[in-house]
Amino acid sequence: MPDEIRKWAEQHKVVAGVYETVYQGKRVYLLAAGEYPTGGYGIKVTELRGRSGVLAYQVVGPGRDDFVIQIITYPYELVFSEDELRFVYLEMKK
């Protein structure tokens, strides 16, 4: 990952949301989950069928019996695209 993008992601990952920047002519989207109390969380991205340029994303958590690191984490995912994208947030499954 380019250092400039890594620094940008580190600055924005603490507040949940979708952020956008441009790097070398490509759009870079940061899907930030915000703060979580343990490890084991991440973001799952899927394309919505029949909706070109629209991606869905969801925060996924550890399984009920999973062992996870006891540290505050800030899960995020980066999406690089030449085209403008839109994102739909799906609620986390409990």
N, C-alpha and C. Protein backbone atom coordinates (compact mmCIF):
# COMPACT_ATOMS: atom_id res chain seq x y z
N MET A 1 0.85 -1.16 0.00
CA MET A 1 0.00 0.00 0.00
C MET A 1 0.90 1.24 0.00
N PRO A 2 0.61 2.22 -0.85
CA PRO A 2 1.40 3.45 -0.85
C PRO A 2 1.35 4.14 0.51
N ASP A 3 2.47 4.68 0.92
CA ASP A 3 2.57 5.33 2.23
C ASP A 3 1.55 6.46 2.39
N GLU A 4 1.34 7.23 1.33
CA GLU A 4 0.37 8.34 1.38
C GLU A 4 -1.04 7.83 1.68
N ILE A 5 -1.42 6.72 1.07
CA ILE A 5 -2.75 6.14 1.29
C ILE A 5 -2.83 5.54 2.69
N ARG A 6 -1.78 4.89 3.13
CA ARG A 6 -1.77 4.32 4.49
C ARG A 6 -1.98 5.41 5.53
N LYS A 7 -1.27 6.51 5.39
CA LYS A 7 -1.41 7.62 6.34
C LYS A 7 -2.82 8.21 6.31
N TRP A 8 -3.37 8.36 5.11
CA TRP A 8 -4.73 8.88 4.95
C TRP A 8 -5.74 7.96 5.65
N ALA A 9 -5.59 6.65 5.44
CA ALA A 9 -6.49 5.68 6.07
C ALA A 9 -6.36 5.72 7.59
N GLU A 10 -5.15 5.80 8.09
CA GLU A 10 -4.93 5.85 9.54
C GLU A 10 -5.60 7.07 10.16
N GLN A 11 -5.62 8.19 9.45
CA GLN A 11 -6.25 9.40 9.96
C GLN A 11 -7.76 9.30 10.04
N HIS A 12 -8.37 8.58 9.09
CA HIS A 12 -9.83 8.56 8.97
C HIS A 12 -10.51 7.33 9.55
N LYS A 13 -9.77 6.28 9.86
CA LYS A 13 -10.38 5.01 10.25
C LYS A 13 -11.11 5.05 11.59
N VAL A 14 -10.85 6.04 12.42
CA VAL A 14 -11.42 6.06 13.77
C VAL A 14 -12.90 6.43 13.80
N VAL A 15 -13.40 7.05 12.74
CA VAL A 15 -14.82 7.41 12.68
C VAL A 15 -15.46 6.61 11.55
N ALA A 16 -16.50 5.85 11.87
CA ALA A 16 -17.16 5.00 10.88
C ALA A 16 -17.70 5.84 9.73
N GLY A 17 -17.53 5.32 8.51
CA GLY A 17 -18.06 6.00 7.34
C GLY A 17 -17.31 5.62 6.09
N VAL A 18 -17.71 6.25 4.99
CA VAL A 18 -17.07 6.04 3.70
C VAL A 18 -16.34 7.33 3.33
N TYR A 19 -15.07 7.21 3.03
CA TYR A 19 -14.24 8.36 2.69
C TYR A 19 -13.65 8.14 1.30
N GLU A 20 -13.39 9.23 0.59
CA GLU A 20 -12.87 9.11 -0.77
C GLU A 20 -11.71 10.08 -0.97
N THR A 21 -10.71 9.62 -1.72
CA THR A 21 -9.61 10.47 -2.16
C THR A 21 -9.20 9.99 -3.54
N VAL A 22 -8.30 10.71 -4.17
CA VAL A 22 -7.77 10.31 -5.48
C VAL A 22 -6.27 10.14 -5.34
N TYR A 23 -5.76 9.02 -5.87
CA TYR A 23 -4.34 8.74 -5.84
C TYR A 23 -3.90 8.26 -7.22
N GLN A 24 -3.00 8.97 -7.83
CA GLN A 24 -2.48 8.64 -9.16
C GLN A 24 -3.61 8.42 -10.17
N GLY A 25 -4.60 9.28 -10.14
CA GLY A 25 -5.70 9.23 -11.09
C GLY A 25 -6.79 8.22 -10.79
N LYS A 26 -6.65 7.47 -9.71
CA LYS A 26 -7.68 6.48 -9.35
C LYS A 26 -8.36 6.91 -8.06
N ARG A 27 -9.62 6.57 -7.97
CA ARG A 27 -10.38 6.85 -6.75
C ARG A 27 -10.03 5.79 -5.71
N VAL A 28 -9.88 6.24 -4.49
CA VAL A 28 -9.62 5.33 -3.38
C VAL A 28 -10.71 5.58 -2.35
N TYR A 29 -11.41 4.51 -1.99
CA TYR A 29 -12.48 4.59 -1.00
C TYR A 29 -12.04 3.87 0.26
N LEU A 30 -12.26 4.51 1.38
CA LEU A 30 -11.99 3.91 2.68
C LEU A 30 -13.32 3.60 3.33
N LEU A 31 -13.57 2.34 3.62
CA LEU A 31 -14.77 1.92 4.34
C LEU A 31 -14.33 1.66 5.77
N ALA A 32 -14.66 2.58 6.65
CA ALA A 32 -14.19 2.51 8.03
C ALA A 32 -15.32 2.06 8.95
N ALA A 33 -15.01 1.11 9.82
CA ALA A 33 -16.00 0.59 10.76
C ALA A 33 -16.02 1.38 12.06
N GLY A 34 -14.99 2.16 12.32
CA GLY A 34 -14.90 2.87 13.60
C GLY A 34 -14.25 1.98 14.65
N GLU A 35 -14.48 2.30 15.90
CA GLU A 35 -13.81 1.61 17.01
C GLU A 35 -14.58 0.36 17.46
N TYR A 36 -13.82 -0.74 17.68
CA TYR A 36 -14.38 -1.98 18.22
C TYR A 36 -13.52 -2.42 19.40
N PRO A 37 -14.14 -3.10 20.38
CA PRO A 37 -13.44 -3.39 21.64
C PRO A 37 -12.41 -4.52 21.57
N THR A 38 -12.45 -5.33 20.52
CA THR A 38 -11.52 -6.46 20.41
C THR A 38 -11.12 -6.67 18.95
N GLY A 39 -10.21 -7.60 18.74
CA GLY A 39 -9.88 -8.03 17.39
C GLY A 39 -11.00 -8.92 16.86
N GLY A 40 -10.85 -9.38 15.64
CA GLY A 40 -11.82 -10.30 15.05
C GLY A 40 -12.87 -9.63 14.19
N TYR A 41 -12.86 -8.31 14.11
CA TYR A 41 -13.83 -7.59 13.28
C TYR A 41 -13.19 -7.23 11.95
N GLY A 42 -14.01 -7.14 10.93
CA GLY A 42 -13.54 -6.75 9.61
C GLY A 42 -14.69 -6.22 8.78
N ILE A 43 -14.42 -5.91 7.54
CA ILE A 43 -15.44 -5.40 6.64
C ILE A 43 -15.52 -6.33 5.43
N LYS A 44 -16.74 -6.72 5.09
CA LYS A 44 -16.99 -7.58 3.94
C LYS A 44 -17.64 -6.71 2.86
N VAL A 45 -17.08 -6.73 1.65
CA VAL A 45 -17.60 -5.93 0.54
C VAL A 45 -18.13 -6.86 -0.53
N THR A 46 -19.35 -6.57 -1.02
CA THR A 46 -19.94 -7.37 -2.09
C THR A 46 -20.57 -6.43 -3.11
N GLU A 47 -20.63 -6.90 -4.35
CA GLU A 47 -21.28 -6.11 -5.40
C GLU A 47 -22.77 -6.42 -5.39
N LEU A 48 -23.58 -5.38 -5.53
CA LEU A 48 -25.02 -5.59 -5.60
C LEU A 48 -25.38 -6.00 -7.02
N ARG A 49 -26.05 -7.11 -7.17
CA ARG A 49 -26.42 -7.61 -8.49
C ARG A 49 -27.35 -6.62 -9.19
N GLY A 50 -27.06 -6.40 -10.46
CA GLY A 50 -27.91 -5.53 -11.26
C GLY A 50 -27.75 -4.06 -10.95
N ARG A 51 -26.81 -3.69 -10.10
CA ARG A 51 -26.60 -2.29 -9.73
C ARG A 51 -25.15 -1.92 -10.02
N SER A 52 -24.86 -1.58 -11.23
CA SER A 52 -23.49 -1.24 -11.63
C SER A 52 -22.96 -0.07 -10.82
N GLY A 53 -21.76 -0.22 -10.31
CA GLY A 53 -21.12 0.85 -9.56
C GLY A 53 -21.61 0.99 -8.13
N VAL A 54 -22.39 0.03 -7.66
CA VAL A 54 -22.90 0.08 -6.29
C VAL A 54 -22.38 -1.15 -5.54
N LEU A 55 -21.69 -0.91 -4.45
CA LEU A 55 -21.17 -1.99 -3.62
C LEU A 55 -21.83 -1.95 -2.25
N ALA A 56 -22.06 -3.11 -1.70
CA ALA A 56 -22.58 -3.20 -0.33
C ALA A 56 -21.44 -3.59 0.58
N TYR A 57 -21.48 -3.07 1.80
CA TYR A 57 -20.46 -3.46 2.77
C TYR A 57 -21.10 -3.68 4.12
N GLN A 58 -20.44 -4.52 4.90
CA GLN A 58 -20.98 -4.92 6.20
C GLN A 58 -19.83 -5.19 7.15
N VAL A 59 -20.00 -4.77 8.39
CA VAL A 59 -19.02 -5.11 9.42
C VAL A 59 -19.32 -6.53 9.87
N VAL A 60 -18.30 -7.36 9.91
CA VAL A 60 -18.46 -8.74 10.38
C VAL A 60 -17.62 -8.89 11.64
N GLY A 61 -18.16 -9.64 12.58
CA GLY A 61 -17.49 -9.80 13.86
C GLY A 61 -17.02 -11.22 14.09
N PRO A 62 -16.33 -11.42 15.18
CA PRO A 62 -15.84 -12.76 15.51
C PRO A 62 -17.00 -13.68 15.88
N GLY A 63 -16.75 -14.96 15.73
CA GLY A 63 -17.75 -15.94 16.15
C GLY A 63 -17.88 -15.96 17.66
N ARG A 64 -18.97 -16.46 18.11
CA ARG A 64 -19.28 -16.48 19.54
C ARG A 64 -18.20 -17.17 20.38
N ASP A 65 -17.62 -18.23 19.84
CA ASP A 65 -16.61 -18.99 20.57
C ASP A 65 -15.18 -18.71 20.11
N ASP A 66 -15.00 -17.69 19.27
CA ASP A 66 -13.66 -17.35 18.79
C ASP A 66 -12.83 -16.70 19.89
N PHE A 67 -11.55 -17.01 19.89
CA PHE A 67 -10.61 -16.32 20.77
C PHE A 67 -10.08 -15.12 19.99
N VAL A 68 -10.15 -13.94 20.60
CA VAL A 68 -9.70 -12.73 19.91
C VAL A 68 -8.77 -11.93 20.81
N ILE A 69 -7.96 -11.11 20.20
CA ILE A 69 -7.05 -10.25 20.94
C ILE A 69 -7.87 -9.18 21.69
N GLN A 70 -7.49 -8.90 22.91
CA GLN A 70 -8.20 -7.93 23.74
C GLN A 70 -7.53 -6.56 23.59
N ILE A 71 -7.84 -5.91 22.49
CA ILE A 71 -7.28 -4.60 22.19
C ILE A 71 -8.28 -3.85 21.32
N ILE A 72 -8.34 -2.55 21.48
CA ILE A 72 -9.23 -1.75 20.65
C ILE A 72 -8.72 -1.79 19.21
N THR A 73 -9.65 -2.02 18.27
CA THR A 73 -9.29 -2.09 16.85
C THR A 73 -10.17 -1.15 16.04
N TYR A 74 -9.70 -0.84 14.85
CA TYR A 74 -10.40 0.05 13.92
C TYR A 74 -10.42 -0.61 12.54
N PRO A 75 -11.33 -1.56 12.33
CA PRO A 75 -11.35 -2.28 11.06
C PRO A 75 -11.68 -1.36 9.88
N TYR A 76 -11.02 -1.60 8.76
CA TYR A 76 -11.35 -0.85 7.56
C TYR A 76 -10.97 -1.66 6.33
N GLU A 77 -11.50 -1.24 5.21
CA GLU A 77 -11.19 -1.85 3.92
C GLU A 77 -10.97 -0.73 2.92
N LEU A 78 -10.01 -0.90 2.03
CA LEU A 78 -9.76 0.06 0.97
C LEU A 78 -10.22 -0.52 -0.36
N VAL A 79 -10.87 0.31 -1.17
CA VAL A 79 -11.32 -0.08 -2.50
C VAL A 79 -10.73 0.92 -3.49
N PHE A 80 -9.99 0.42 -4.48
CA PHE A 80 -9.41 1.26 -5.52
C PHE A 80 -10.24 1.09 -6.79
N SER A 81 -10.58 2.19 -7.46
CA SER A 81 -11.42 2.10 -8.64
C SER A 81 -11.12 3.24 -9.60
N GLU A 82 -11.25 2.96 -10.88
CA GLU A 82 -11.14 4.02 -11.88
C GLU A 82 -12.47 4.74 -12.03
N ASP A 83 -13.54 4.11 -11.57
CA ASP A 83 -14.88 4.67 -11.71
C ASP A 83 -15.42 5.15 -10.36
N GLU A 84 -16.38 6.04 -10.43
CA GLU A 84 -17.05 6.48 -9.21
C GLU A 84 -17.94 5.34 -8.71
N LEU A 85 -17.89 5.09 -7.41
CA LEU A 85 -18.70 4.04 -6.81
C LEU A 85 -19.62 4.62 -5.75
N ARG A 86 -20.69 3.90 -5.49
CA ARG A 86 -21.57 4.23 -4.37
C ARG A 86 -21.61 3.02 -3.45
N PHE A 87 -21.86 3.27 -2.17
CA PHE A 87 -21.82 2.19 -1.19
C PHE A 87 -23.11 2.15 -0.38
N VAL A 88 -23.55 0.94 -0.10
CA VAL A 88 -24.73 0.70 0.73
C VAL A 88 -24.26 -0.07 1.96
N TYR A 89 -24.59 0.45 3.13
CA TYR A 89 -24.20 -0.20 4.38
C TYR A 89 -25.26 -1.22 4.78
N LEU A 90 -24.83 -2.44 5.07
CA LEU A 90 -25.72 -3.49 5.56
C LEU A 90 -25.46 -3.66 7.05
N GLU A 91 -26.50 -3.72 7.85
CA GLU A 91 -26.35 -3.89 9.30
C GLU A 91 -25.59 -5.17 9.62
N MET A 92 -24.82 -5.12 10.70
CA MET A 92 -24.06 -6.28 11.14
C MET A 92 -25.02 -7.33 11.68
N LYS A 93 -24.79 -8.59 11.29
CA LYS A 93 -25.60 -9.69 11.81
C LYS A 93 -25.24 -9.94 13.25
N LYS A 94 -26.24 -10.13 14.08
CA LYS A 94 -26.00 -10.37 15.52
C LYS A 94 -25.96 -11.86 15.78
